[in-house]
Structures are given as C-alpha cells and as structure tokens.
C-alpha cells in the first residue's frame, strides 16, 4: 500500500507567508499563484495533523467539518459544532486547520484588507 510521508515533502510552508493565506481567503476557488499552489499541494497530500475535509449535509447549501480516521474503514469524525452555510467560510476553516497543523501557527485571525 502506498502511503504519503509528509516529512519527505520538498516544500515547507513558511508561516511568515501569510500573504499566501490571504490570497486563498480572497479567492478560495480561483487562479492561484505558484507559491500558493505549492502550499495547497502540501496541505492536501501531506496527511499531517489529521486529514480535515468538508462533508456536505445538504449539497450546495450546508457543510460540516470532518476528519478522516487514521485507518480505512472507520467512520469520519464529524465536528458537529462546525457547520457552515457558505462554502468560502468552510474552505477557509479547513485551510486554517491545515496551516496550523503544518506550521504550528494560527492564521484564523487574518482578515482581508
């Protein structure tokens, strides 16, 4: 079975690059810079800090924060206190959790200028 070793990643996220986090916050669905694309790749494939994802409660209307279990076949861990009605807010929450897991720094306080 293939596994992902996040410690072998060639790209490390610089916690000082909050400009990249703000870029994602401004355009969570759109054209990313090369630097942000590298950050997203590490976040989505590293497996570090739990694998956070969004689970659709009502497709296109409501999402809940969830985590993949450590082993296949086990149920998702649903964070019932984290329900979103805007996909941009949901994606920002996941981005913040992944950023903190990989860098040790919180960016949840960042606001778009």
Protein backbone atom coordinates (compact mmCIF):
# COMPACT_ATOMS: atom_id res chain seq x y z
CA UNK A 1 0.00 0.00 0.00
CA UNK A 2 1.32 3.43 -0.90
CA UNK A 3 1.48 5.99 1.87
CA UNK A 4 2.36 9.64 1.96
CA UNK A 5 5.33 10.66 4.08
CA UNK A 6 4.81 14.33 4.80
CA UNK A 7 8.28 14.59 6.31
CA UNK A 8 9.73 13.89 2.86
CA UNK A 9 7.98 16.82 1.21
CA UNK A 10 10.28 19.04 -0.78
CA UNK A 11 8.36 22.18 0.07
CA UNK A 12 7.90 23.53 3.57
CA UNK A 13 5.25 26.12 4.33
CA UNK A 14 6.79 29.31 5.68
CA UNK A 15 4.47 30.51 8.49
CA UNK A 16 5.53 34.10 7.78
CA UNK A 17 3.96 33.91 4.29
CA UNK A 18 0.53 35.00 5.49
CA UNK A 19 0.19 36.75 2.12
CA UNK A 20 -0.45 33.29 0.67
CA UNK A 21 -3.16 32.60 3.24
CA UNK A 22 -4.80 35.92 2.39
CA UNK A 23 -4.58 35.08 -1.31
CA UNK A 24 -6.51 31.88 -0.62
CA UNK A 25 -9.03 33.74 1.54
CA UNK A 26 -9.70 36.23 -1.28
CA UNK A 27 -10.07 33.58 -3.98
CA UNK A 28 -10.69 30.15 -2.44
CA UNK A 29 -11.76 28.73 -5.81
CA UNK A 30 -9.63 30.56 -8.26
CA UNK A 31 -6.37 31.18 -10.06
CA UNK A 32 -3.59 30.69 -7.53
CA UNK A 33 -0.01 31.86 -7.64
CA UNK A 34 2.67 29.19 -7.99
CA UNK A 35 3.63 29.64 -4.34
CA UNK A 36 0.04 29.14 -3.13
CA UNK A 37 -0.34 26.09 -5.38
CA UNK A 38 2.67 24.53 -3.64
CA UNK A 39 1.16 25.28 -0.23
CA UNK A 40 -2.16 23.72 -1.24
CA UNK A 41 -0.41 20.63 -2.58
CA UNK A 42 1.38 20.09 0.73
CA UNK A 43 -1.85 20.72 2.67
CA UNK A 44 -3.94 18.36 0.60
CA UNK A 45 -1.49 15.48 0.32
CA UNK A 46 0.75 15.57 3.37
CA UNK A 47 -1.53 13.76 5.80
CA UNK A 48 -0.08 15.78 8.66
CA UNK A 49 -2.26 16.82 11.56
CA UNK A 50 -5.29 14.78 10.60
CA UNK A 51 -6.99 14.95 7.23
CA UNK A 52 -9.65 17.62 7.51
CA UNK A 53 -12.38 17.75 4.91
CA UNK A 54 -15.85 19.07 4.31
CA UNK A 55 -18.84 16.77 4.30
CA UNK A 56 -21.99 18.01 2.58
CA UNK A 57 -25.04 17.87 4.83
CA UNK A 58 -27.16 19.47 2.12
CA UNK A 59 -25.28 19.58 -1.20
CA UNK A 60 -24.62 23.16 -2.23
CA UNK A 61 -26.15 24.54 0.99
CA UNK A 62 -24.60 23.23 4.23
CA UNK A 63 -21.29 21.59 5.10
CA UNK A 64 -19.80 20.14 8.25
CA UNK A 65 -16.14 19.90 9.19
CA UNK A 66 -14.95 16.29 9.30
CA UNK A 67 -11.73 14.34 9.73
CA UNK A 68 -10.64 11.14 8.08
CA UNK A 69 -9.90 8.40 10.59
CA UNK A 70 -6.39 7.05 10.99
CA UNK A 71 -7.38 3.76 9.34
CA UNK A 72 -9.50 2.90 6.32
CA UNK A 73 -12.96 1.58 7.06
CA UNK A 74 -13.52 3.60 10.20
CA UNK A 75 -16.21 6.32 10.17
CA UNK A 76 -15.47 10.00 9.64
CA UNK A 77 -15.16 12.11 12.75
CA UNK A 78 -17.81 14.82 12.35
CA UNK A 79 -17.29 18.11 14.18
CA UNK A 80 -20.95 18.86 14.81
CA UNK A 81 -20.11 22.26 16.27
CA UNK A 82 -18.57 23.36 12.95
CA UNK A 83 -21.42 23.63 10.40
CA UNK A 84 -21.16 26.13 7.54
CA UNK A 85 -23.71 27.69 5.23
CA UNK A 86 -21.16 29.40 2.99
CA UNK A 87 -18.62 27.25 1.16
CA UNK A 88 -15.99 30.02 1.32
CA UNK A 89 -16.21 30.04 5.14
CA UNK A 90 -15.98 26.25 5.23
CA UNK A 91 -12.93 26.15 2.97
CA UNK A 92 -11.21 28.88 4.98
CA UNK A 93 -11.76 26.88 8.19
CA UNK A 94 -10.12 23.80 6.64
CA UNK A 95 -7.26 25.91 5.25
CA UNK A 96 -6.62 27.39 8.72
CA UNK A 97 -6.61 23.97 10.40
CA UNK A 98 -4.21 22.54 7.85
CA UNK A 99 -1.93 25.62 8.05
CA UNK A 100 -1.73 25.32 11.84
CA UNK A 101 -1.09 21.57 11.69
CA UNK A 102 1.80 22.06 9.25
CA UNK A 103 3.37 25.25 10.62
CA UNK A 104 2.35 25.40 14.27
CA UNK A 105 0.98 28.93 13.71
CA UNK A 106 -2.65 30.04 13.71
CA UNK A 107 -3.96 32.24 10.91
CA UNK A 108 -7.66 32.14 11.83
CA UNK A 109 -7.45 35.80 12.87
CA UNK A 110 -6.40 37.05 9.41
CA UNK A 111 -8.84 39.35 7.70
CA UNK A 112 -8.92 40.52 4.10
CA UNK A 113 -7.83 44.14 3.88
